[in-house]
Protein backbone atom coordinates (compact mmCIF):
# COMPACT_ATOMS: atom_id res chain seq x y z
CA UNK A 1 152.01 148.11 -3.28
CA UNK A 2 153.23 146.24 -6.82
CA UNK A 3 156.33 147.40 -8.47
CA UNK A 4 160.21 148.15 -7.57
CA UNK A 5 161.45 150.72 -5.25
CA UNK A 6 163.53 153.14 -7.39
CA UNK A 7 166.27 154.82 -5.79
CA UNK A 8 167.75 158.26 -7.88
CA UNK A 9 170.76 159.76 -7.13
CA UNK A 10 174.50 159.99 -7.58
CA UNK A 11 176.26 156.80 -7.49
CA UNK A 12 179.78 156.95 -5.38
CA UNK A 13 182.66 154.45 -4.80
CA UNK A 14 183.64 154.60 -1.16
CA UNK A 15 187.11 152.81 -0.22
CA UNK A 16 188.20 152.39 3.33
CA UNK A 17 191.60 152.05 4.28
CA UNK A 18 192.31 150.78 7.91
CA UNK A 19 195.41 150.79 9.86
CA UNK A 20 197.07 151.31 13.14
CA UNK A 21 199.30 154.43 13.99
CA UNK A 22 201.65 154.33 16.84
CA UNK A 23 204.15 156.81 15.51
CA UNK A 24 204.72 159.98 13.76
CA UNK A 25 206.65 160.90 10.58
CA UNK A 26 209.94 161.87 10.69
CA UNK A 27 209.36 164.91 8.48
CA UNK A 28 206.12 166.15 9.36
CA UNK A 29 204.21 166.08 12.81
CA UNK A 30 201.40 163.51 11.15
CA UNK A 31 200.51 160.17 11.81
CA UNK A 32 201.98 157.09 10.33
CA UNK A 33 199.37 154.73 9.56
CA UNK A 34 200.32 151.22 8.78
CA UNK A 35 198.02 149.98 6.26
CA UNK A 36 196.31 146.38 7.75
CA UNK A 37 193.14 146.08 5.14
CA UNK A 38 191.56 147.95 2.23
CA UNK A 39 188.17 147.39 0.92
CA UNK A 40 185.68 148.96 -1.31
CA UNK A 41 181.96 149.38 -1.30
CA UNK A 42 178.84 150.93 -3.28
CA UNK A 43 178.38 154.67 -2.00
CA UNK A 44 176.09 157.57 -2.38
CA UNK A 45 172.75 156.50 -3.95
CA UNK A 46 174.10 153.27 -4.69
CA UNK A 47 174.65 152.13 -1.17
CA UNK A 48 171.23 153.62 -0.66
CA UNK A 49 169.63 151.08 -3.15
CA UNK A 50 171.84 148.26 -1.26
CA UNK A 51 170.33 149.19 2.00
CA UNK A 52 166.84 149.11 0.23
CA UNK A 53 167.43 146.09 -1.42
CA UNK A 54 167.82 144.70 2.01
CA UNK A 55 164.04 145.07 2.35
CA UNK A 56 163.32 141.72 0.15
CA UNK A 57 161.98 144.32 -2.53
CA UNK A 58 163.08 144.55 -6.34
CA UNK A 59 165.20 147.56 -6.36
CA UNK A 60 165.87 149.76 -9.25
CA UNK A 61 168.76 152.56 -9.09
CA UNK A 62 168.80 155.57 -11.58
CA UNK A 63 172.28 156.86 -11.69
CA UNK A 64 174.73 158.05 -14.21
CA UNK A 65 177.78 155.52 -14.85
CA UNK A 66 180.66 156.10 -17.15
CA UNK A 67 182.84 153.98 -18.89
CA UNK A 68 186.05 153.98 -16.32
CA UNK A 69 187.03 151.42 -14.42
CA UNK A 70 185.29 153.04 -11.19
CA UNK A 71 182.14 152.72 -12.62
CA UNK A 72 182.77 149.19 -13.74
CA UNK A 73 183.71 148.34 -10.24
CA UNK A 74 180.38 150.00 -8.94
CA UNK A 75 178.25 147.89 -11.32
CA UNK A 76 180.37 144.55 -10.46
CA UNK A 77 179.39 145.37 -6.68
CA UNK A 78 175.93 146.07 -7.64
CA UNK A 79 175.34 143.02 -9.52
CA UNK A 80 172.56 140.36 -8.17
CA UNK A 81 171.49 143.28 -5.64
CA UNK A 82 170.15 146.15 -7.69
CA UNK A 83 169.02 146.83 -11.22
CA UNK A 84 170.66 149.71 -13.07
CA UNK A 85 168.78 152.26 -14.92
CA UNK A 86 171.37 154.31 -16.26
CA UNK A 87 172.16 157.55 -18.25
CA UNK A 88 175.58 158.88 -19.37
CA UNK A 89 178.08 160.08 -17.14
CA UNK A 90 180.90 162.50 -18.34
CA UNK A 91 183.84 161.51 -16.71
CA UNK A 92 184.79 159.10 -13.50
CA UNK A 93 182.40 157.92 -10.47
CA UNK A 94 183.28 160.28 -7.77
CA UNK A 95 185.47 158.25 -4.91
CA UNK A 96 185.65 158.99 -1.18
CA UNK A 97 188.57 157.58 0.33
CA UNK A 98 188.69 157.23 4.39
CA UNK A 99 191.92 156.40 6.55
CA UNK A 100 190.73 154.95 9.61
CA UNK A 101 192.38 154.20 12.61
CA UNK A 102 190.84 152.00 15.41
CA UNK A 103 187.87 152.05 13.26
CA UNK A 104 187.62 155.78 13.36
CA UNK A 105 188.12 158.11 10.47
CA UNK A 106 191.54 159.71 10.81
CA UNK A 107 191.29 161.76 7.00
CA UNK A 108 188.96 161.69 4.19
CA UNK A 109 190.60 161.90 0.40
CA UNK A 110 187.75 163.02 -2.40
CA UNK A 111 188.25 162.56 -5.89
CA UNK A 112 185.34 164.15 -7.75
CA UNK A 113 183.70 162.65 -10.64
CA UNK A 114 182.37 163.72 -13.92
CA UNK A 115 179.15 165.25 -15.09
CA UNK A 116 175.57 163.74 -15.72
CA UNK A 117 174.27 163.41 -19.00
CA UNK A 118 170.95 163.65 -20.21
CA UNK A 119 168.13 160.55 -18.48
CA UNK A 120 166.63 158.43 -21.31
CA UNK A 121 163.53 156.28 -21.93
CA UNK A 122 165.21 153.58 -19.25
CA UNK A 123 164.77 156.14 -16.81
CA UNK A 124 161.21 157.43 -17.59
CA UNK A 125 159.92 153.78 -17.45
CA UNK A 126 161.67 153.14 -14.06
CA UNK A 127 160.34 155.80 -12.57
CA UNK A 128 156.65 155.34 -14.07
CA UNK A 129 156.56 152.04 -12.42
CA UNK A 130 157.88 152.83 -9.29
CA UNK A 131 155.87 151.61 -6.21
CA UNK A 132 157.92 154.55 -4.00
CA UNK A 133 161.18 156.51 -5.12
CA UNK A 134 164.03 157.58 -2.80
CA UNK A 135 166.19 160.55 -3.97
CA UNK A 136 169.44 160.19 -2.64
CA UNK A 137 170.90 163.33 -3.67
CA UNK A 138 174.50 163.74 -2.97
CA UNK A 139 175.00 167.12 -4.97
CA UNK A 140 176.42 165.95 -7.67
CA UNK A 141 174.09 166.78 -10.49
CA UNK A 142 171.85 163.46 -10.99
CA UNK A 143 168.58 164.48 -9.00
CA UNK A 144 168.89 167.78 -11.04
CA UNK A 145 169.19 165.92 -14.24
CA UNK A 146 166.14 163.73 -13.26
CA UNK A 147 164.19 166.68 -11.41
CA UNK A 148 162.06 166.97 -14.43
CA UNK A 149 160.71 163.73 -14.25
CA UNK A 150 160.37 163.45 -10.27
CA UNK A 151 158.36 166.55 -10.51
CA UNK A 152 155.98 164.34 -12.93
CA UNK A 153 155.47 161.64 -10.43
CA UNK A 154 155.61 163.50 -7.15
CA UNK A 155 151.89 163.53 -6.84
CA UNK A 156 150.93 160.00 -7.61
CA UNK A 157 154.03 157.91 -6.24
CA UNK A 158 155.25 158.16 -2.60
CA UNK A 159 158.46 160.11 -2.90
CA UNK A 160 161.06 160.57 -0.34
CA UNK A 161 163.97 163.24 -0.75
CA UNK A 162 167.39 163.13 1.28
CA UNK A 163 168.68 166.52 0.18
CA UNK A 164 172.26 167.66 0.15
CA UNK A 165 173.28 171.73 0.54
CA UNK A 166 174.75 170.99 -2.71
CA UNK A 167 171.81 169.67 -4.57
CA UNK A 168 168.43 171.58 -5.29
CA UNK A 169 165.48 171.66 -3.20
CA UNK A 170 163.22 168.72 -3.13
CA UNK A 171 160.42 168.95 -5.90
CA UNK A 172 156.74 170.23 -4.34
CA UNK A 173 154.59 167.29 -3.31
CA UNK A 174 157.12 165.03 -1.55
CA UNK A 175 155.70 162.70 0.91
CA UNK A 176 158.80 163.20 3.02
CA UNK A 177 162.01 164.93 3.02
CA UNK A 178 164.58 163.81 5.24
CA UNK A 179 167.58 166.13 6.16
CA UNK A 180 170.11 165.61 9.00
CA UNK A 181 170.25 168.55 11.34
CA UNK A 182 173.24 170.10 9.60
CA UNK A 183 171.91 169.87 6.90
CA UNK A 184 168.22 171.52 8.07
CA UNK A 185 170.40 174.19 9.14
CA UNK A 186 172.22 175.54 6.10
CA UNK A 187 169.14 175.03 3.65
CA UNK A 188 166.97 176.82 6.15
CA UNK A 189 169.30 179.63 6.63
CA UNK A 190 169.12 179.98 2.73
CA UNK A 191 165.39 180.44 3.01
CA UNK A 192 165.36 182.74 6.02
CA UNK A 193 168.90 184.38 6.91
CA UNK A 194 169.04 183.67 10.93
CA UNK A 195 166.99 180.35 10.98
CA UNK A 196 170.23 178.40 11.39
CA UNK A 197 170.34 179.73 14.95
CA UNK A 198 169.98 177.44 17.92
CA UNK A 199 170.54 173.72 18.46
CA UNK A 200 167.63 172.89 20.61
CA UNK A 201 164.47 170.76 19.90
CA UNK A 202 162.38 174.03 19.59
CA UNK A 203 165.20 175.48 16.89
CA UNK A 204 165.08 172.25 15.00
CA UNK A 205 161.16 172.03 15.02
CA UNK A 206 161.29 175.59 13.65
CA UNK A 207 163.29 174.82 10.78
CA UNK A 208 161.62 171.56 9.98
CA UNK A 209 158.10 173.67 9.84
CA UNK A 210 159.90 176.29 7.70
CA UNK A 211 161.29 173.50 5.21
CA UNK A 212 158.03 171.82 4.87
CA UNK A 213 156.21 174.93 3.90
CA UNK A 214 158.84 176.37 1.59
CA UNK A 215 159.44 172.98 -0.19
CA UNK A 216 155.97 172.17 -0.47
CA UNK A 217 156.55 168.68 1.51
CA UNK A 218 153.98 166.83 2.84
CA UNK A 219 156.42 166.45 5.76
CA UNK A 220 160.02 166.89 6.94
CA UNK A 221 161.80 164.80 9.21
CA UNK A 222 165.04 166.22 10.72
CA UNK A 223 167.48 163.34 11.52
CA UNK A 224 169.17 164.00 15.17
CA UNK A 225 171.68 161.04 14.93
CA UNK A 226 171.46 159.59 18.49
CA UNK A 227 168.63 161.43 19.34
CA UNK A 228 166.37 160.29 16.85
CA UNK A 229 164.08 161.99 14.41
CA UNK A 230 161.78 164.59 14.38
CA UNK A 231 158.69 164.99 12.34
CA UNK A 232 156.96 168.12 10.93
CA UNK A 233 154.01 168.72 9.26
CA UNK A 234 154.39 172.09 9.21
CA UNK A 235 152.64 174.57 11.42
CA UNK A 236 151.35 171.45 13.74
CA UNK A 237 153.25 170.13 16.98
CA UNK A 238 155.98 168.01 15.49
CA UNK A 239 156.79 164.42 16.91
CA UNK A 240 160.02 163.25 18.09
CA UNK A 241 160.72 159.69 17.26
CA UNK A 242 163.82 158.69 19.97
CA UNK A 243 166.29 156.02 19.10
CA UNK A 244 165.56 152.74 20.95
CA UNK A 245 168.88 152.97 22.52
CA UNK A 246 172.32 154.78 22.26
CA UNK A 247 175.28 153.71 20.25
CA UNK A 248 178.83 154.97 19.73
CA UNK A 249 179.83 153.24 16.56
CA UNK A 250 180.72 154.66 12.89
CA UNK A 251 177.77 156.41 11.75
CA UNK A 252 178.35 156.16 8.37
CA UNK A 253 175.62 155.29 5.85
CA UNK A 254 173.09 155.65 8.79
CA UNK A 255 171.25 158.46 6.94
CA UNK A 256 170.81 156.05 3.74
CA UNK A 257 169.62 153.60 6.00
CA UNK A 258 166.96 155.54 7.48
CA UNK A 259 165.94 157.11 3.92
CA UNK A 260 165.72 153.26 2.78
CA UNK A 261 163.80 152.01 5.68
CA UNK A 262 161.34 155.02 5.66
CA UNK A 263 160.71 154.60 1.42
CA UNK A 264 160.33 150.68 2.06
CA UNK A 265 157.90 151.22 4.87
CA UNK A 266 155.96 154.08 2.46
CA UNK A 267 155.54 151.79 -0.38
CA UNK A 268 154.30 149.03 2.03
CA UNK A 269 151.16 151.73 3.20
CA UNK A 270 152.63 152.68 6.62
CA UNK A 271 152.10 156.47 7.40
CA UNK A 272 154.81 158.76 8.25
CA UNK A 273 155.05 158.20 11.68
CA UNK A 274 155.40 154.57 11.28
CA UNK A 275 157.81 155.04 8.66
CA UNK A 276 160.05 157.17 10.45
CA UNK A 277 160.12 155.10 13.76
CA UNK A 278 161.14 151.91 11.31
CA UNK A 279 163.96 154.16 9.71
CA UNK A 280 165.13 155.45 13.48
CA UNK A 281 164.97 151.51 14.84
CA UNK A 282 166.92 150.23 11.63
CA UNK A 283 169.31 153.48 11.44
CA UNK A 284 170.07 152.78 15.10
CA UNK A 285 170.87 148.90 14.49
CA UNK A 286 172.88 149.51 11.47
CA UNK A 287 175.30 151.79 13.13
CA UNK A 288 175.36 149.18 16.19
CA UNK A 289 176.24 146.77 13.84
CA UNK A 290 179.44 148.54 12.40
CA UNK A 291 177.53 150.94 9.74
CA UNK A 292 178.38 150.78 6.09
CA UNK A 293 181.87 149.19 6.74
CA UNK A 294 180.46 146.36 8.24
CA UNK A 295 181.42 143.07 6.43
CA UNK A 296 177.88 141.79 7.37
CA UNK A 297 176.29 144.41 4.91
CA UNK A 298 178.51 143.16 2.03
CA UNK A 299 178.67 139.15 2.86
CA UNK A 300 175.42 137.81 1.61
CA UNK A 301 175.94 134.96 4.18
CA UNK A 302 175.64 137.40 7.15
CA UNK A 303 173.90 140.14 5.87
CA UNK A 304 170.29 141.16 8.02
CA UNK A 305 167.33 140.10 6.57
CA UNK A 306 164.61 143.01 7.04
CA UNK A 307 161.23 142.00 8.85
CA UNK A 308 159.00 139.99 7.25
CA UNK A 309 155.22 139.38 6.62
CA UNK A 310 156.30 135.78 6.55
CA UNK A 311 158.22 134.73 9.51
CA UNK A 312 158.44 131.28 8.00
CA UNK A 313 160.16 132.30 5.00
CA UNK A 314 162.48 135.02 7.04
CA UNK A 315 163.83 131.97 9.09
CA UNK A 316 164.30 130.07 6.15
CA UNK A 317 166.30 132.69 4.33
CA UNK A 318 168.35 133.42 7.55
CA UNK A 319 169.33 129.99 7.79
CA UNK A 320 170.11 129.30 4.21
CA UNK A 321 172.39 132.54 4.36
CA UNK A 322 174.21 130.78 7.26
CA UNK A 323 172.71 133.39 10.13
CA UNK A 324 171.22 132.65 13.37
CA UNK A 325 167.39 132.48 13.89
CA UNK A 326 166.31 133.36 17.28
CA UNK A 327 162.71 132.83 18.29
CA UNK A 328 160.93 134.05 21.56
CA UNK A 329 157.58 133.60 23.07
CA UNK A 330 155.01 134.37 25.03
CA UNK A 331 151.41 136.21 25.73
CA UNK A 332 152.88 139.45 25.74
CA UNK A 333 149.38 141.23 26.82
CA UNK A 334 150.59 144.36 28.20
CA UNK A 335 154.01 145.31 26.84
CA UNK A 336 156.23 146.65 29.31
CA UNK A 337 159.56 147.50 29.99
CA UNK A 338 160.79 143.68 31.11
CA UNK A 339 159.33 142.40 27.79
CA UNK A 340 161.39 145.09 25.73
CA UNK A 341 164.51 144.06 27.67
CA UNK A 342 164.07 140.62 27.00
CA UNK A 343 163.64 141.07 23.34
CA UNK A 344 166.36 143.70 22.57
CA UNK A 345 168.73 140.98 24.66
CA UNK A 346 167.22 138.17 22.45
CA UNK A 347 167.85 139.99 19.01
CA UNK A 348 171.55 140.61 20.03
CA UNK A 349 172.22 136.73 19.75
CA UNK A 350 171.40 136.32 16.22
CA UNK A 351 170.44 137.62 12.67
CA UNK A 352 166.59 137.69 13.07
CA UNK A 353 164.23 137.62 16.20
CA UNK A 354 160.62 136.02 15.52
CA UNK A 355 157.91 136.11 18.16
CA UNK A 356 155.87 133.07 18.30
CA UNK A 357 152.60 134.95 20.01
CA UNK A 358 149.75 133.17 21.77
CA UNK A 359 146.17 133.52 20.24
CA UNK A 360 143.24 134.96 22.14
CA UNK A 361 142.07 131.52 22.82
CA UNK A 362 145.19 130.35 23.77
CA UNK A 363 145.69 133.13 26.30
CA UNK A 364 142.27 132.60 27.55
CA UNK A 365 143.08 128.85 28.30
CA UNK A 366 146.51 129.73 29.91
CA UNK A 367 145.41 132.72 32.07
CA UNK A 368 141.59 132.55 32.61
CA UNK A 369 138.57 134.90 31.87
CA UNK A 370 139.26 138.15 31.45
CA UNK A 371 142.65 137.37 29.18
CA UNK A 372 143.61 139.05 26.97
CA UNK A 373 143.57 142.31 27.92
CA UNK A 374 144.24 142.93 24.00
CA UNK A 375 143.22 141.17 20.89
CA UNK A 376 146.19 139.17 19.21
CA UNK A 377 146.01 141.31 16.28
CA UNK A 378 147.10 144.49 18.18
CA UNK A 379 149.46 142.82 20.19
CA UNK A 380 151.13 141.70 17.05
CA UNK A 381 151.24 145.03 15.82
CA UNK A 382 152.72 146.34 18.82
CA UNK A 383 155.58 143.76 18.61
CA UNK A 384 156.06 144.33 15.29
CA UNK A 385 156.72 147.91 15.70
CA UNK A 386 159.46 147.13 17.85
CA UNK A 387 162.87 147.50 15.97
CA UNK A 388 164.25 144.40 17.81
CA UNK A 389 161.50 142.25 16.12
CA UNK A 390 161.79 140.92 12.65
CA UNK A 391 158.39 138.94 12.51
CA UNK A 392 155.39 137.90 14.41
CA UNK A 393 153.78 134.38 14.14
CA UNK A 394 150.50 133.81 16.27
CA UNK A 395 149.41 130.13 17.33
CA UNK A 396 146.57 128.79 18.67
CA UNK A 397 147.89 125.69 20.70
CA UNK A 398 148.82 125.85 24.47
CA UNK A 399 152.44 125.06 23.46
CA UNK A 400 154.41 126.90 20.73
CA UNK A 401 155.86 123.23 19.49
CA UNK A 402 154.40 122.89 16.00
CA UNK A 403 155.20 126.45 15.03
CA UNK A 404 158.72 125.98 16.38
CA UNK A 405 158.95 122.64 14.45
CA UNK A 406 158.45 125.11 11.18
CA UNK A 407 160.78 127.97 12.02
CA UNK A 408 163.53 125.69 13.83
CA UNK A 409 165.32 128.25 15.05
CA UNK A 410 168.69 127.79 16.83
CA UNK A 411 168.00 129.83 20.19
CA UNK A 412 164.66 129.74 21.73
CA UNK A 413 164.39 132.79 24.40
CA UNK A 414 161.92 132.87 27.57
CA UNK A 415 162.00 135.28 30.31
CA UNK A 416 161.25 134.58 33.81
CA UNK A 417 162.21 132.29 36.30
CA UNK A 418 162.35 129.06 34.37
CA UNK A 419 165.67 127.15 33.72
CA UNK A 420 166.71 125.97 30.06
CA UNK A 421 166.21 122.58 31.10
CA UNK A 422 162.66 122.53 32.39
CA UNK A 423 161.61 124.53 29.60
CA UNK A 424 159.02 122.21 27.84
CA UNK A 425 160.40 123.49 24.48
CA UNK A 426 163.72 122.24 25.07
CA UNK A 427 163.54 118.66 23.93
CA UNK A 428 161.40 119.98 20.46
CA UNK A 429 164.73 121.85 19.95
CA UNK A 430 166.81 118.70 20.35
CA UNK A 431 165.03 117.60 17.38
CA UNK A 432 167.33 119.76 14.98
CA UNK A 433 170.15 120.88 17.37
CA UNK A 434 168.64 124.02 19.06
CA UNK A 435 168.98 125.37 22.32
CA UNK A 436 166.78 126.85 24.63
CA UNK A 437 167.93 129.97 26.92
CA UNK A 438 166.57 131.87 29.61
CA UNK A 439 167.25 135.68 30.19
CA UNK A 440 165.70 137.34 33.11
CA UNK A 441 163.20 140.23 33.27
CA UNK A 442 163.52 143.27 34.77
CA UNK A 443 162.72 143.36 38.14
CA UNK A 444 159.10 144.28 39.10
CA UNK A 445 158.00 144.41 35.90
CA UNK A 446 155.02 142.41 34.84
CA UNK A 447 151.72 142.10 33.07
CA UNK A 448 150.07 140.77 36.46
CA UNK A 449 151.45 143.70 38.14
CA UNK A 450 150.50 146.35 35.63
CA UNK A 451 147.06 144.96 35.77
CA UNK A 452 146.64 145.32 39.91
CA UNK A 453 147.97 148.59 39.22
CA UNK A 454 145.44 149.66 36.86
CA UNK A 455 142.65 147.97 38.84
CA UNK A 456 143.81 149.69 42.05
CA UNK A 457 143.50 153.22 40.27
CA UNK A 458 139.74 152.52 39.35
CA UNK A 459 137.13 153.86 42.05
CA UNK A 460 134.48 151.46 42.97
CA UNK A 461 131.36 151.68 40.99
CA UNK A 462 133.41 153.03 38.09
CA UNK A 463 134.39 151.80 34.75
CA UNK A 464 138.09 151.25 33.87
């Protein structure tokens, strides 16, 4: 879909003060924090816009900014990342300061901001030309100010609304609303007293269905932290989309990452289930990498690059930014736990993972008649759906030598009983200083084993 992604909401300035706490103050039983580092970054809807920009799309942030130094700092930090469609703010940009010890928040200090003014023509034009819109509402008035314009485009443009208990309800017709579990509980209680009771999946489902109906939304996805997200379309059975793995790192910004990924996926034509699955995977990886405080997010040389429909361009972009390109290859005919374990491990070795996938003709030459079980188009789509895979390229030769010369990965990963020295691709990688590595599969997991089991379950004389 053409047009930029548009993010609407309250821009904040986030500050982290990191330090060590090894003693108590002599005048009160409170920890003394010896400051070791301080840094600031865009927060609120401005953070969501930066995360949306990592998808490679043009992003426009619709927000209210004034003329104080805090607003100027937000503008500086958004420069070259996000285009602004501003309207007035009477007062300063809100500032959130977290005092952290050992990477964990100890206390947060908030400075409230000013009051948004009236949106102008620039805002109307930005919304009218959007491929998709994300409302990142932080309850400070921007979403309320833009609400009439959002209502006018909700029926024609994919609209994702990340609500806040202090803000208004999503406008009718939103494609997806994305409250977290605590927000859903609070908002459901306002609509139906007593709806906040319970914390099981059935309770989350009941609240999600209530919100879907009362908000007149197409769907509601309640994010559950390490539990993934629960997608509801109302009365129908909800879908739980679990996180690909668990992480205990700082979750600051995970909700913005989830919503930004979802709106980009919807702009690309994904259905809600696909978009939410991508959002869960992206948010999990975001938290594992350090969340909003990670230097990798704000250093252009190391910022992650989202999966791409052009793996060659993706590899070039990662190399140009000083990152590490990882490639892995195979037929991946019946994707199993061994494959997933291998690919997750491979992704952890660099900044992007690109799969070199044997074409159908290549698989038949290697594996014989009857293979592959699944065509290349299906195999590529399944692989691309994994949160650890950033791109897939199909090759028709018996070996991936030519595609490797185009990708020029820093690392080439294979699974199984090879040694790095015996991999036929090792000599090719030497041309540009790349390295081949072998990672083990999980014991007992293989495509051949799965095929034998499937064949054994088919009774004689019947079709599988």
